[in-house]
Amino acid sequence: MAAPWIGGALVVLVLGAGFLLNGAHREASGVAKERARAEAAQRAITEAYQLEKDRADAQYRGAVLARQAAQTGLAAARAQLDRVLRAAGRDPANPRAGRRPDEAGADWIGGFAACYAEYGDLATDAAGWADQVNGLQGYIRGLRSPR
């Protein structure tokens, strides 16, 4: 008489254990899937960050190369003006008034060369400032861009 009750209890215990083991397996597979999804998301974020960093670096290098090319052009023009002044027998570093006593006009090409030299220095400073501003603007755009 106790055998059916014991058999029924054993069936209930076996079914309960099976149910618990099935739940544990589902939980473990869910955790593994979530971990894999999180790792994939982290990889995607890292790759996107690296691509943005490479793009910003390339843009900055391009701006620096353009600035250097402009500086080279300024230096070449300045050297040409210095050659013209030396060919005329004048010191490009010291522009002065006319060469002869009867010349009242200023040494206009020397003055122009001195002005051009100052312009070159100002352009060099401005190019450095522009590089800094462009870098900051790129940083702000990177922070604001929706992901």
C-alpha atoms as a PDB file:
ATOM      1  CA  MET A   1       0.000   0.000   0.000  1.00  0.00           C
ATOM      2  CA  ALA A   2       2.847   2.369   0.593  1.00  0.00           C
ATOM      3  CA  ALA A   3       4.461   1.378  -2.712  1.00  0.00           C
ATOM      4  CA  PRO A   4       2.189   3.545  -4.908  1.00  0.00           C
ATOM      5  CA  TRP A   5       2.849   6.546  -2.683  1.00  0.00           C
ATOM      6  CA  ILE A   6       6.583   5.970  -2.756  1.00  0.00           C
ATOM      7  CA  GLY A   7       6.463   5.462  -6.544  1.00  0.00           C
ATOM      8  CA  GLY A   8       4.421   8.640  -6.972  1.00  0.00           C
ATOM      9  CA  ALA A   9       6.821  10.573  -4.758  1.00  0.00           C
ATOM     10  CA  LEU A  10       9.764   9.259  -6.784  1.00  0.00           C
ATOM     11  CA  VAL A  11       8.074  10.326 -10.045  1.00  0.00           C
ATOM     12  CA  VAL A  12       7.415  13.806  -8.604  1.00  0.00           C
ATOM     13  CA  LEU A  13      11.049  14.051  -7.400  1.00  0.00           C
ATOM     14  CA  VAL A  14      12.416  12.954 -10.788  1.00  0.00           C
ATOM     15  CA  LEU A  15      10.167  15.442 -12.631  1.00  0.00           C
ATOM     16  CA  GLY A  16      11.131  18.243 -10.208  1.00  0.00           C
ATOM     17  CA  ALA A  17      14.844  17.482 -10.606  1.00  0.00           C
ATOM     18  CA  GLY A  18      14.445  17.430 -14.390  1.00  0.00           C
ATOM     19  CA  PHE A  19      12.617  20.750 -14.294  1.00  0.00           C
ATOM     20  CA  LEU A  20      15.339  22.327 -12.121  1.00  0.00           C
ATOM     21  CA  LEU A  21      18.155  20.986 -14.306  1.00  0.00           C
ATOM     22  CA  ASN A  22      16.404  22.268 -17.434  1.00  0.00           C
ATOM     23  CA  GLY A  23      16.022  25.735 -15.859  1.00  0.00           C
ATOM     24  CA  ALA A  24      19.679  25.797 -14.817  1.00  0.00           C
ATOM     25  CA  HIS A  25      20.737  24.842 -18.343  1.00  0.00           C
ATOM     26  CA  ARG A  26      18.572  27.584 -19.862  1.00  0.00           C
ATOM     27  CA  GLU A  27      19.981  30.125 -17.434  1.00  0.00           C
ATOM     28  CA  ALA A  28      23.571  29.111 -18.219  1.00  0.00           C
ATOM     29  CA  SER A  29      22.958  29.338 -21.968  1.00  0.00           C
ATOM     30  CA  GLY A  30      21.253  32.738 -21.494  1.00  0.00           C
ATOM     31  CA  VAL A  31      24.232  34.026 -19.528  1.00  0.00           C
ATOM     32  CA  ALA A  32      26.609  32.764 -22.215  1.00  0.00           C
ATOM     33  CA  LYS A  33      24.546  34.421 -24.966  1.00  0.00           C
ATOM     34  CA  GLU A  34      24.424  37.714 -23.072  1.00  0.00           C
ATOM     35  CA  ARG A  35      28.171  37.587 -22.426  1.00  0.00           C
ATOM     36  CA  ALA A  36      28.843  36.966 -26.133  1.00  0.00           C
ATOM     37  CA  ARG A  37      26.517  39.845 -27.087  1.00  0.00           C
ATOM     38  CA  ALA A  38      28.266  42.198 -24.641  1.00  0.00           C
ATOM     39  CA  GLU A  39      31.699  41.205 -25.976  1.00  0.00           C
ATOM     40  CA  ALA A  40      30.547  41.777 -29.568  1.00  0.00           C
ATOM     41  CA  ALA A  41      29.169  45.197 -28.611  1.00  0.00           C
ATOM     42  CA  GLN A  42      32.446  46.078 -26.880  1.00  0.00           C
ATOM     43  CA  ARG A  43      34.437  45.019 -29.961  1.00  0.00           C
ATOM     44  CA  ALA A  44      32.181  47.139 -32.187  1.00  0.00           C
ATOM     45  CA  ILE A  45      32.639  50.168 -29.922  1.00  0.00           C
ATOM     46  CA  THR A  46      36.414  49.683 -29.860  1.00  0.00           C
ATOM     47  CA  GLU A  47      36.578  49.354 -33.650  1.00  0.00           C
ATOM     48  CA  ALA A  48      34.411  52.450 -34.149  1.00  0.00           C
ATOM     49  CA  TYR A  49      36.612  54.402 -31.735  1.00  0.00           C
ATOM     50  CA  GLN A  50      39.757  53.305 -33.569  1.00  0.00           C
ATOM     51  CA  LEU A  51      38.269  54.231 -36.959  1.00  0.00           C
ATOM     52  CA  GLU A  52      37.279  57.676 -35.680  1.00  0.00           C
ATOM     53  CA  LYS A  53      40.713  58.164 -34.154  1.00  0.00           C
ATOM     54  CA  ASP A  54      42.428  57.151 -37.403  1.00  0.00           C
ATOM     55  CA  ARG A  55      40.148  59.476 -39.403  1.00  0.00           C
ATOM     56  CA  ALA A  56      40.865  62.402 -37.077  1.00  0.00           C
ATOM     57  CA  ASP A  57      44.616  61.683 -37.181  1.00  0.00           C
ATOM     58  CA  ALA A  58      44.568  61.567 -40.987  1.00  0.00           C
ATOM     59  CA  GLN A  59      42.625  64.834 -41.131  1.00  0.00           C
ATOM     60  CA  TYR A  60      45.085  66.463 -38.734  1.00  0.00           C
ATOM     61  CA  ARG A  61      48.087  65.194 -40.710  1.00  0.00           C
ATOM     62  CA  GLY A  62      46.500  66.590 -43.878  1.00  0.00           C
ATOM     63  CA  ALA A  63      46.024  69.984 -42.230  1.00  0.00           C
ATOM     64  CA  VAL A  64      49.616  69.978 -40.989  1.00  0.00           C
ATOM     65  CA  LEU A  65      50.915  69.076 -44.459  1.00  0.00           C
ATOM     66  CA  ALA A  66      48.833  71.858 -46.016  1.00  0.00           C
ATOM     67  CA  ARG A  67      50.171  74.321 -43.460  1.00  0.00           C
ATOM     68  CA  GLN A  68      53.736  73.194 -44.114  1.00  0.00           C
ATOM     69  CA  ALA A  69      53.209  73.591 -47.861  1.00  0.00           C
ATOM     70  CA  ALA A  70      51.910  77.126 -47.295  1.00  0.00           C
ATOM     71  CA  GLN A  71      54.906  77.897 -45.088  1.00  0.00           C
ATOM     72  CA  THR A  72      57.223  76.589 -47.788  1.00  0.00           C
ATOM     73  CA  GLY A  73      55.525  78.868 -50.318  1.00  0.00           C
ATOM     74  CA  LEU A  74      55.888  81.836 -47.987  1.00  0.00           C
ATOM     75  CA  ALA A  75      59.543  81.027 -47.381  1.00  0.00           C
ATOM     76  CA  ALA A  76      60.183  80.758 -51.126  1.00  0.00           C
ATOM     77  CA  ALA A  77      58.529  84.131 -51.785  1.00  0.00           C
ATOM     78  CA  ARG A  78      60.478  85.678 -48.931  1.00  0.00           C
ATOM     79  CA  ALA A  79      63.738  84.263 -50.284  1.00  0.00           C
ATOM     80  CA  GLN A  80      62.901  85.646 -53.742  1.00  0.00           C
ATOM     81  CA  LEU A  81      62.320  89.112 -52.273  1.00  0.00           C
ATOM     82  CA  ASP A  82      65.621  88.859 -50.392  1.00  0.00           C
ATOM     83  CA  ARG A  83      67.398  87.927 -53.640  1.00  0.00           C
ATOM     84  CA  VAL A  84      65.869  90.951 -55.394  1.00  0.00           C
ATOM     85  CA  LEU A  85      67.020  93.199 -52.568  1.00  0.00           C
ATOM     86  CA  ARG A  86      70.529  91.761 -52.558  1.00  0.00           C
ATOM     87  CA  ALA A  87      70.730  92.118 -56.329  1.00  0.00           C
ATOM     88  CA  ALA A  88      69.847  95.797 -55.882  1.00  0.00           C
ATOM     89  CA  GLY A  89      72.588  96.128 -53.249  1.00  0.00           C
ATOM     90  CA  ARG A  90      70.270  96.457 -50.261  1.00  0.00           C
ATOM     91  CA  ASP A  91      70.154  94.597 -46.976  1.00  0.00           C
ATOM     92  CA  PRO A  92      66.749  92.866 -46.723  1.00  0.00           C
ATOM     93  CA  ALA A  93      66.882  92.906 -42.920  1.00  0.00           C
ATOM     94  CA  ASN A  94      67.303  96.718 -42.766  1.00  0.00           C
ATOM     95  CA  PRO A  95      65.034  98.591 -45.157  1.00  0.00           C
ATOM     96  CA  ARG A  96      65.961 102.257 -45.344  1.00  0.00           C
ATOM     97  CA  ALA A  97      65.182 105.450 -47.167  1.00  0.00           C
ATOM     98  CA  GLY A  98      66.436 106.141 -50.672  1.00  0.00           C
ATOM     99  CA  ARG A  99      70.021 105.311 -51.529  1.00  0.00           C
ATOM    100  CA  ARG A 100      71.137 108.659 -52.906  1.00  0.00           C
ATOM    101  CA  PRO A 101      70.806 112.022 -51.172  1.00  0.00           C
ATOM    102  CA  ASP A 102      68.443 113.288 -53.830  1.00  0.00           C
ATOM    103  CA  GLU A 103      66.086 110.317 -53.379  1.00  0.00           C
ATOM    104  CA  ALA A 104      63.406 111.225 -50.879  1.00  0.00           C
ATOM    105  CA  GLY A 105      61.201 108.136 -51.336  1.00  0.00           C
ATOM    106  CA  ALA A 106      61.295 105.248 -48.973  1.00  0.00           C
ATOM    107  CA  ASP A 107      62.918 101.963 -49.902  1.00  0.00           C
ATOM    108  CA  TRP A 108      59.561 100.511 -50.899  1.00  0.00           C
ATOM    109  CA  ILE A 109      60.742  97.052 -51.874  1.00  0.00           C
ATOM    110  CA  GLY A 110      62.678  96.719 -48.623  1.00  0.00           C
ATOM    111  CA  GLY A 111      59.629  97.868 -46.711  1.00  0.00           C
ATOM    112  CA  PHE A 112      57.531  95.404 -48.651  1.00  0.00           C
ATOM    113  CA  ALA A 113      59.986  92.598 -47.838  1.00  0.00           C
ATOM    114  CA  ALA A 114      59.905  93.477 -44.136  1.00  0.00           C
ATOM    115  CA  CYS A 115      56.112  93.568 -44.213  1.00  0.00           C
ATOM    116  CA  TYR A 116      56.048  90.237 -46.035  1.00  0.00           C
ATOM    117  CA  ALA A 117      58.371  88.744 -43.401  1.00  0.00           C
ATOM    118  CA  GLU A 118      56.041  89.915 -40.641  1.00  0.00           C
ATOM    119  CA  TYR A 119      53.103  88.511 -42.591  1.00  0.00           C
ATOM    120  CA  GLY A 120      54.920  85.173 -42.855  1.00  0.00           C
ATOM    121  CA  ASP A 121      55.482  85.078 -39.099  1.00  0.00           C
ATOM    122  CA  LEU A 122      51.850  85.957 -38.461  1.00  0.00           C
ATOM    123  CA  ALA A 123      50.710  83.305 -40.950  1.00  0.00           C
ATOM    124  CA  THR A 124      52.847  80.695 -39.197  1.00  0.00           C
ATOM    125  CA  ASP A 125      51.321  81.593 -35.831  1.00  0.00           C
ATOM    126  CA  ALA A 126      47.809  81.650 -37.285  1.00  0.00           C
ATOM    127  CA  ALA A 127      48.327  78.244 -38.898  1.00  0.00           C
ATOM    128  CA  GLY A 128      49.334  76.770 -35.544  1.00  0.00           C
ATOM    129  CA  TRP A 129      46.287  78.302 -33.890  1.00  0.00           C
ATOM    130  CA  ALA A 130      44.062  77.017 -36.695  1.00  0.00           C
ATOM    131  CA  ASP A 131      45.449  73.506 -36.195  1.00  0.00           C
ATOM    132  CA  GLN A 132      44.566  73.706 -32.505  1.00  0.00           C
ATOM    133  CA  VAL A 133      41.067  75.045 -33.178  1.00  0.00           C
ATOM    134  CA  ASN A 134      40.419  72.426 -35.858  1.00  0.00           C
ATOM    135  CA  GLY A 135      41.565  69.713 -33.478  1.00  0.00           C
ATOM    136  CA  LEU A 136      39.232  70.958 -30.758  1.00  0.00           C
ATOM    137  CA  GLN A 137      36.334  71.253 -33.201  1.00  0.00           C
ATOM    138  CA  GLY A 138      36.930  67.688 -34.368  1.00  0.00           C
ATOM    139  CA  TYR A 139      36.968  66.534 -30.754  1.00  0.00           C
ATOM    140  CA  ILE A 140      33.654  68.299 -30.043  1.00  0.00           C
ATOM    141  CA  ARG A 141      32.095  66.844 -33.214  1.00  0.00           C
ATOM    142  CA  GLY A 142      33.235  63.414 -32.103  1.00  0.00           C
ATOM    143  CA  LEU A 143      31.587  63.870 -28.719  1.00  0.00           C
ATOM    144  CA  ARG A 144      28.350  65.159 -30.220  1.00  0.00           C
ATOM    145  CA  SER A 145      27.957  62.606 -33.008  1.00  0.00           C
ATOM    146  CA  PRO A 146      25.118  60.147 -32.332  1.00  0.00           C
ATOM    147  CA  ARG A 147      26.256  56.563 -32.083  1.00  0.00           C
END
